[in-house]
């Protein structure tokens, strides 16, 4: 079933505070070797050989998905060092990175990078993985659906489970789920800024997202 971050159902632990939101690169290196020689003569000859310096790595052009095919050469977001700090600024940098990985998952169908910084009990994230796996494994793809970070409250407030929480604001563009032949199976319109509640825990690498879902009344 095609999904976006705007469809909702009951969330994972702590379930009474969240309703989870259903949501639903390679380079070619070139090396030039130039050989040069001198012509012979009656006298003893000498020869020379020069080797050129390696050329710069060619950067493939990024192409977004459209009706003709999948996205190509999508840059993989890299976790900045600033996102590893257990500070307000560090958490904010981490949430920006997490949203970028979420957008990458929609565009490529690859959810592995997302789950490298996400707990296995994030049901919203698991639902996204199932949807992406089903779509891309059958030869289909998603055009559109990019997720853009707007803001996150990183006041470092903890809940009773020791998780830090706060609202995350983002935007998601309209998307089209396409079959292997490029035809549209489902079209989902984009939405303006929307807020969800995020739960994170500290980790050796910085942070891990535990869950994300609809904001409800009460303390998580």
C-alpha atoms as a PDB file:
ATOM      1  CA  UNK A   1       0.000   0.000   0.000  1.00  0.00           C
ATOM      2  CA  UNK A   2       1.403   3.382  -0.982  1.00  0.00           C
ATOM      3  CA  UNK A   3       2.095   5.577   2.005  1.00  0.00           C
ATOM      4  CA  UNK A   4       3.292   9.022   2.958  1.00  0.00           C
ATOM      5  CA  UNK A   5       4.260  10.529   6.292  1.00  0.00           C
ATOM      6  CA  UNK A   6       0.814  12.059   6.556  1.00  0.00           C
ATOM      7  CA  UNK A   7      -1.141   8.838   7.082  1.00  0.00           C
ATOM      8  CA  UNK A   8      -1.435   7.702  10.710  1.00  0.00           C
ATOM      9  CA  UNK A   9      -2.011   4.658  12.934  1.00  0.00           C
ATOM     10  CA  UNK A  10      -1.211   3.532  16.493  1.00  0.00           C
ATOM     11  CA  UNK A  11       2.451   3.787  17.449  1.00  0.00           C
ATOM     12  CA  UNK A  12       4.955   1.553  19.190  1.00  0.00           C
ATOM     13  CA  UNK A  13       6.195   1.928  22.773  1.00  0.00           C
ATOM     14  CA  UNK A  14       5.341   4.164  24.462  1.00  0.00           C
ATOM     15  CA  UNK A  15       2.105   3.561  22.536  1.00  0.00           C
ATOM     16  CA  UNK A  16      -0.206   5.649  24.663  1.00  0.00           C
ATOM     17  CA  UNK A  17       1.674   8.824  23.779  1.00  0.00           C
ATOM     18  CA  UNK A  18       2.194   8.315  20.082  1.00  0.00           C
ATOM     19  CA  UNK A  19       0.201   7.398  17.058  1.00  0.00           C
ATOM     20  CA  UNK A  20       2.834   6.486  14.563  1.00  0.00           C
ATOM     21  CA  UNK A  21       2.859   8.150  11.171  1.00  0.00           C
ATOM     22  CA  UNK A  22       2.723   5.699   8.283  1.00  0.00           C
ATOM     23  CA  UNK A  23       4.813   6.714   5.407  1.00  0.00           C
ATOM     24  CA  UNK A  24       4.644   5.479   3.588  1.00  0.00           C
ATOM     25  CA  UNK A  25      26.197   6.854  -5.556  1.00  0.00           C
ATOM     26  CA  UNK A  26      29.194   5.614  -8.056  1.00  0.00           C
ATOM     27  CA  UNK A  27      32.112   7.426  -9.573  1.00  0.00           C
ATOM     28  CA  UNK A  28      34.261   6.511 -12.578  1.00  0.00           C
ATOM     29  CA  UNK A  29      37.973   7.221 -12.044  1.00  0.00           C
ATOM     30  CA  UNK A  30      40.077   7.883 -15.136  1.00  0.00           C
ATOM     31  CA  UNK A  31      43.861   7.394 -15.317  1.00  0.00           C
ATOM     32  CA  UNK A  32      45.788   8.639 -18.390  1.00  0.00           C
ATOM     33  CA  UNK A  33      49.220   7.193 -19.181  1.00  0.00           C
ATOM     34  CA  UNK A  34      51.151   8.973 -21.964  1.00  0.00           C
ATOM     35  CA  UNK A  35      54.246   7.378 -23.491  1.00  0.00           C
ATOM     36  CA  UNK A  36      56.679   9.449 -25.541  1.00  0.00           C
ATOM     37  CA  UNK A  37      59.942   8.390 -27.293  1.00  0.00           C
ATOM     38  CA  UNK A  38      62.699   9.989 -29.282  1.00  0.00           C
ATOM     39  CA  UNK A  39      63.526   8.941 -32.832  1.00  0.00           C
ATOM     40  CA  UNK A  40      66.727   7.022 -33.465  1.00  0.00           C
ATOM     41  CA  UNK A  41      69.948   8.365 -35.078  1.00  0.00           C
ATOM     42  CA  UNK A  42      73.393   6.918 -36.018  1.00  0.00           C
ATOM     43  CA  UNK A  43      74.681   8.094 -32.665  1.00  0.00           C
ATOM     44  CA  UNK A  44      73.480   6.402 -29.434  1.00  0.00           C
ATOM     45  CA  UNK A  45      69.933   7.421 -28.807  1.00  0.00           C
ATOM     46  CA  UNK A  46      68.074   8.240 -25.655  1.00  0.00           C
ATOM     47  CA  UNK A  47      64.407   7.790 -24.938  1.00  0.00           C
ATOM     48  CA  UNK A  48      62.079   9.372 -22.477  1.00  0.00           C
ATOM     49  CA  UNK A  49      58.774   8.363 -20.987  1.00  0.00           C
ATOM     50  CA  UNK A  50      56.453  10.684 -19.134  1.00  0.00           C
ATOM     51  CA  UNK A  51      53.430   9.770 -17.085  1.00  0.00           C
ATOM     52  CA  UNK A  52      50.624  12.240 -16.678  1.00  0.00           C
ATOM     53  CA  UNK A  53      49.068  12.883 -13.310  1.00  0.00           C
ATOM     54  CA  UNK A  54      45.740  11.131 -12.624  1.00  0.00           C
ATOM     55  CA  UNK A  55      42.741  13.114 -13.719  1.00  0.00           C
ATOM     56  CA  UNK A  56      40.099  14.251 -11.262  1.00  0.00           C
ATOM     57  CA  UNK A  57      37.352  11.784 -10.428  1.00  0.00           C
ATOM     58  CA  UNK A  58      34.372  12.252 -12.687  1.00  0.00           C
ATOM     59  CA  UNK A  59      31.188  13.079 -10.785  1.00  0.00           C
ATOM     60  CA  UNK A  60      28.084  11.447 -12.279  1.00  0.00           C
ATOM     61  CA  UNK A  61      25.192  13.798 -12.803  1.00  0.00           C
ATOM     62  CA  UNK A  62      22.245  13.492 -10.453  1.00  0.00           C
ATOM     63  CA  UNK A  63      18.936  12.817 -12.178  1.00  0.00           C
ATOM     64  CA  UNK A  64      15.677  12.845 -10.205  1.00  0.00           C
ATOM     65  CA  UNK A  65      13.058  10.179 -10.763  1.00  0.00           C
ATOM     66  CA  UNK A  66      10.364  10.848 -13.321  1.00  0.00           C
ATOM     67  CA  UNK A  67       8.002   8.950 -15.600  1.00  0.00           C
ATOM     68  CA  UNK A  68      10.955   7.645 -17.624  1.00  0.00           C
ATOM     69  CA  UNK A  69      12.836   6.001 -14.773  1.00  0.00           C
ATOM     70  CA  UNK A  70      14.286   5.905 -11.294  1.00  0.00           C
ATOM     71  CA  UNK A  71      16.473   8.560  -9.763  1.00  0.00           C
ATOM     72  CA  UNK A  72      20.151   8.207 -10.642  1.00  0.00           C
ATOM     73  CA  UNK A  73      23.336   9.066  -8.726  1.00  0.00           C
ATOM     74  CA  UNK A  74      21.465  10.240  -5.628  1.00  0.00           C
ATOM     75  CA  UNK A  75      23.993  11.632  -3.120  1.00  0.00           C
ATOM     76  CA  UNK A  76      24.052   9.667   0.133  1.00  0.00           C
ATOM     77  CA  UNK A  77      23.783  12.011   3.144  1.00  0.00           C
ATOM     78  CA  UNK A  78      26.879  11.874   5.352  1.00  0.00           C
ATOM     79  CA  UNK A  79      26.569  12.165   9.130  1.00  0.00           C
ATOM     80  CA  UNK A  80      28.353  15.371  10.141  1.00  0.00           C
ATOM     81  CA  UNK A  81      30.654  15.327  13.157  1.00  0.00           C
ATOM     82  CA  UNK A  82      28.456  17.981  14.746  1.00  0.00           C
ATOM     83  CA  UNK A  83      25.586  15.449  14.891  1.00  0.00           C
ATOM     84  CA  UNK A  84      27.588  13.198  17.241  1.00  0.00           C
ATOM     85  CA  UNK A  85      27.664  15.650  20.132  1.00  0.00           C
ATOM     86  CA  UNK A  86      25.260  15.084  23.026  1.00  0.00           C
ATOM     87  CA  UNK A  87      24.157  18.699  22.993  1.00  0.00           C
ATOM     88  CA  UNK A  88      21.178  20.678  21.759  1.00  0.00           C
ATOM     89  CA  UNK A  89      23.112  21.621  18.645  1.00  0.00           C
ATOM     90  CA  UNK A  90      24.220  18.023  18.162  1.00  0.00           C
ATOM     91  CA  UNK A  91      20.674  16.702  18.369  1.00  0.00           C
ATOM     92  CA  UNK A  92      19.447  19.306  15.918  1.00  0.00           C
ATOM     93  CA  UNK A  93      22.180  18.324  13.434  1.00  0.00           C
ATOM     94  CA  UNK A  94      21.229  14.679  13.917  1.00  0.00           C
ATOM     95  CA  UNK A  95      17.548  15.311  13.211  1.00  0.00           C
ATOM     96  CA  UNK A  96      18.478  17.179  10.011  1.00  0.00           C
ATOM     97  CA  UNK A  97      20.566  14.160   8.992  1.00  0.00           C
ATOM     98  CA  UNK A  98      17.778  11.718   9.843  1.00  0.00           C
ATOM     99  CA  UNK A  99      15.284  13.625   7.683  1.00  0.00           C
ATOM    100  CA  UNK A 100      17.812  13.651   4.821  1.00  0.00           C
ATOM    101  CA  UNK A 101      18.175   9.855   5.102  1.00  0.00           C
ATOM    102  CA  UNK A 102      14.397   9.486   5.100  1.00  0.00           C
ATOM    103  CA  UNK A 103      14.188  11.501   1.896  1.00  0.00           C
ATOM    104  CA  UNK A 104      17.018   9.372   0.432  1.00  0.00           C
ATOM    105  CA  UNK A 105      15.028   6.227   1.218  1.00  0.00           C
ATOM    106  CA  UNK A 106      11.992   7.467  -0.707  1.00  0.00           C
ATOM    107  CA  UNK A 107      14.119   8.463  -3.682  1.00  0.00           C
ATOM    108  CA  UNK A 108      16.227   5.298  -3.914  1.00  0.00           C
ATOM    109  CA  UNK A 109      14.304   2.590  -2.068  1.00  0.00           C
ATOM    110  CA  UNK A 110      17.421   2.034   0.081  1.00  0.00           C
ATOM    111  CA  UNK A 111      16.448   2.162   3.751  1.00  0.00           C
ATOM    112  CA  UNK A 112      19.668   0.653   5.117  1.00  0.00           C
ATOM    113  CA  UNK A 113      21.336   4.029   5.836  1.00  0.00           C
ATOM    114  CA  UNK A 114      18.179   5.161   7.635  1.00  0.00           C
ATOM    115  CA  UNK A 115      18.196   2.134   9.912  1.00  0.00           C
ATOM    116  CA  UNK A 116      21.859   2.617  10.771  1.00  0.00           C
ATOM    117  CA  UNK A 117      20.681   5.515  12.953  1.00  0.00           C
ATOM    118  CA  UNK A 118      17.171   4.242  13.777  1.00  0.00           C
ATOM    119  CA  UNK A 119      16.034   1.719  16.355  1.00  0.00           C
ATOM    120  CA  UNK A 120      14.377  -1.493  15.216  1.00  0.00           C
ATOM    121  CA  UNK A 121      11.251  -0.731  17.249  1.00  0.00           C
ATOM    122  CA  UNK A 122      10.354   2.384  15.257  1.00  0.00           C
ATOM    123  CA  UNK A 123       7.198   1.007  13.669  1.00  0.00           C
ATOM    124  CA  UNK A 124       6.708   4.044  11.461  1.00  0.00           C
ATOM    125  CA  UNK A 125      10.170   3.437  10.029  1.00  0.00           C
ATOM    126  CA  UNK A 126       9.501  -0.283   9.601  1.00  0.00           C
ATOM    127  CA  UNK A 127       6.331   0.534   7.665  1.00  0.00           C
ATOM    128  CA  UNK A 128       8.310   2.824   5.366  1.00  0.00           C
ATOM    129  CA  UNK A 129      10.839   0.033   4.789  1.00  0.00           C
ATOM    130  CA  UNK A 130       8.131  -2.463   3.836  1.00  0.00           C
ATOM    131  CA  UNK A 131       6.570   0.001   1.406  1.00  0.00           C
ATOM    132  CA  UNK A 132       9.895   0.879  -0.222  1.00  0.00           C
ATOM    133  CA  UNK A 133      10.957  -2.778  -0.437  1.00  0.00           C
ATOM    134  CA  UNK A 134       7.669  -3.761  -2.084  1.00  0.00           C
ATOM    135  CA  UNK A 135       7.792  -0.892  -4.558  1.00  0.00           C
ATOM    136  CA  UNK A 136      11.424  -1.115  -5.660  1.00  0.00           C
ATOM    137  CA  UNK A 137      11.800  -4.915  -5.561  1.00  0.00           C
ATOM    138  CA  UNK A 138       9.020  -5.178  -8.146  1.00  0.00           C
ATOM    139  CA  UNK A 139      10.839  -2.830 -10.517  1.00  0.00           C
ATOM    140  CA  UNK A 140       8.857   0.232  -9.525  1.00  0.00           C
ATOM    141  CA  UNK A 141       9.978   3.481  -8.008  1.00  0.00           C
ATOM    142  CA  UNK A 142       8.819   6.695  -6.373  1.00  0.00           C
ATOM    143  CA  UNK A 143       8.979  10.035  -8.127  1.00  0.00           C
ATOM    144  CA  UNK A 144       8.763  13.017  -5.809  1.00  0.00           C
ATOM    145  CA  UNK A 145       8.171  12.488  -2.108  1.00  0.00           C
ATOM    146  CA  UNK A 146      11.271  14.360  -0.974  1.00  0.00           C
ATOM    147  CA  UNK A 147      11.269  15.239   2.723  1.00  0.00           C
ATOM    148  CA  UNK A 148      12.666  18.602   3.822  1.00  0.00           C
ATOM    149  CA  UNK A 149      13.685  19.454   7.395  1.00  0.00           C
ATOM    150  CA  UNK A 150      12.089  22.597   8.793  1.00  0.00           C
ATOM    151  CA  UNK A 151      12.888  22.591  12.513  1.00  0.00           C
ATOM    152  CA  UNK A 152      13.150  20.463  15.652  1.00  0.00           C
ATOM    153  CA  UNK A 153      12.788  21.271  19.317  1.00  0.00           C
ATOM    154  CA  UNK A 154      16.048  20.026  20.842  1.00  0.00           C
ATOM    155  CA  UNK A 155      15.585  21.221  24.403  1.00  0.00           C
ATOM    156  CA  UNK A 156      16.889  17.851  25.677  1.00  0.00           C
ATOM    157  CA  UNK A 157      13.739  17.090  27.658  1.00  0.00           C
ATOM    158  CA  UNK A 158      13.484  13.460  28.810  1.00  0.00           C
ATOM    159  CA  UNK A 159      10.430  11.281  29.301  1.00  0.00           C
ATOM    160  CA  UNK A 160       9.955   8.591  31.944  1.00  0.00           C
ATOM    161  CA  UNK A 161      11.792   6.071  29.756  1.00  0.00           C
ATOM    162  CA  UNK A 162      14.929   8.195  29.510  1.00  0.00           C
ATOM    163  CA  UNK A 163      14.251   9.182  25.907  1.00  0.00           C
ATOM    164  CA  UNK A 164      14.703  12.733  24.682  1.00  0.00           C
ATOM    165  CA  UNK A 165      11.674  14.034  22.832  1.00  0.00           C
ATOM    166  CA  UNK A 166      10.364  17.040  20.976  1.00  0.00           C
ATOM    167  CA  UNK A 167       8.375  18.115  17.915  1.00  0.00           C
ATOM    168  CA  UNK A 168       9.902  17.692  14.471  1.00  0.00           C
ATOM    169  CA  UNK A 169       8.622  19.923  11.673  1.00  0.00           C
ATOM    170  CA  UNK A 170       9.079  18.886   8.046  1.00  0.00           C
ATOM    171  CA  UNK A 171       7.612  19.178   4.563  1.00  0.00           C
ATOM    172  CA  UNK A 172       7.052  16.366   2.079  1.00  0.00           C
ATOM    173  CA  UNK A 173       6.487  16.990  -1.616  1.00  0.00           C
ATOM    174  CA  UNK A 174       3.826  15.222  -3.626  1.00  0.00           C
ATOM    175  CA  UNK A 175       4.777  11.768  -4.825  1.00  0.00           C
ATOM    176  CA  UNK A 176       3.823   9.196  -7.411  1.00  0.00           C
ATOM    177  CA  UNK A 177       4.290   5.486  -6.882  1.00  0.00           C
ATOM    178  CA  UNK A 178       5.174   4.003 -10.273  1.00  0.00           C
ATOM    179  CA  UNK A 179       5.099   0.474 -11.615  1.00  0.00           C
ATOM    180  CA  UNK A 180       7.937  -1.110 -13.595  1.00  0.00           C
ATOM    181  CA  UNK A 181       6.482   0.270 -16.835  1.00  0.00           C
ATOM    182  CA  UNK A 182       6.424   3.822 -15.450  1.00  0.00           C
ATOM    183  CA  UNK A 183       2.668   4.023 -15.015  1.00  0.00           C
ATOM    184  CA  UNK A 184       1.349   5.607 -11.822  1.00  0.00           C
ATOM    185  CA  UNK A 185      -0.236   3.249  -9.334  1.00  0.00           C
ATOM    186  CA  UNK A 186      -0.858   5.849  -6.625  1.00  0.00           C
ATOM    187  CA  UNK A 187      -0.455   9.618  -6.461  1.00  0.00           C
ATOM    188  CA  UNK A 188      -0.235  11.402  -3.108  1.00  0.00           C
ATOM    189  CA  UNK A 189      -0.358  15.212  -2.933  1.00  0.00           C
ATOM    190  CA  UNK A 190       2.270  17.156  -1.043  1.00  0.00           C
ATOM    191  CA  UNK A 191       1.639  18.735   2.318  1.00  0.00           C
ATOM    192  CA  UNK A 192       2.831  21.930   3.941  1.00  0.00           C
ATOM    193  CA  UNK A 193       4.808  22.010   7.176  1.00  0.00           C
ATOM    194  CA  UNK A 194       3.745  19.223   9.526  1.00  0.00           C
ATOM    195  CA  UNK A 195       4.848  18.350  13.040  1.00  0.00           C
ATOM    196  CA  UNK A 196       5.489  14.915  14.518  1.00  0.00           C
ATOM    197  CA  UNK A 197       6.922  13.887  17.860  1.00  0.00           C
ATOM    198  CA  UNK A 198      10.383  12.307  17.817  1.00  0.00           C
ATOM    199  CA  UNK A 199      11.969  10.132  20.500  1.00  0.00           C
ATOM    200  CA  UNK A 200      15.750   9.695  20.544  1.00  0.00           C
ATOM    201  CA  UNK A 201      18.345   8.088  22.803  1.00  0.00           C
ATOM    202  CA  UNK A 202      22.053   8.725  23.156  1.00  0.00           C
ATOM    203  CA  UNK A 203      24.431   6.249  21.539  1.00  0.00           C
ATOM    204  CA  UNK A 204      28.190   5.822  21.220  1.00  0.00           C
ATOM    205  CA  UNK A 205      27.991   7.206  17.689  1.00  0.00           C
ATOM    206  CA  UNK A 206      25.865  10.152  18.847  1.00  0.00           C
ATOM    207  CA  UNK A 207      22.126   9.543  18.645  1.00  0.00           C
ATOM    208  CA  UNK A 208      19.592   6.891  17.641  1.00  0.00           C
ATOM    209  CA  UNK A 209      16.009   7.675  16.708  1.00  0.00           C
ATOM    210  CA  UNK A 210      13.722   5.420  18.752  1.00  0.00           C
ATOM    211  CA  UNK A 211      10.331   6.386  17.334  1.00  0.00           C
ATOM    212  CA  UNK A 212       8.381   9.104  15.589  1.00  0.00           C
ATOM    213  CA  UNK A 213       4.654   9.707  15.477  1.00  0.00           C
ATOM    214  CA  UNK A 214       1.748  12.069  15.822  1.00  0.00           C
ATOM    215  CA  UNK A 215       1.841  14.561  18.645  1.00  0.00           C
ATOM    216  CA  UNK A 216      -0.861  13.943  21.243  1.00  0.00           C
ATOM    217  CA  UNK A 217      -1.736  15.400  24.617  1.00  0.00           C
ATOM    218  CA  UNK A 218       0.185  14.419  27.731  1.00  0.00           C
ATOM    219  CA  UNK A 219       3.852  13.788  28.441  1.00  0.00           C
ATOM    220  CA  UNK A 220       5.554  11.077  26.355  1.00  0.00           C
END
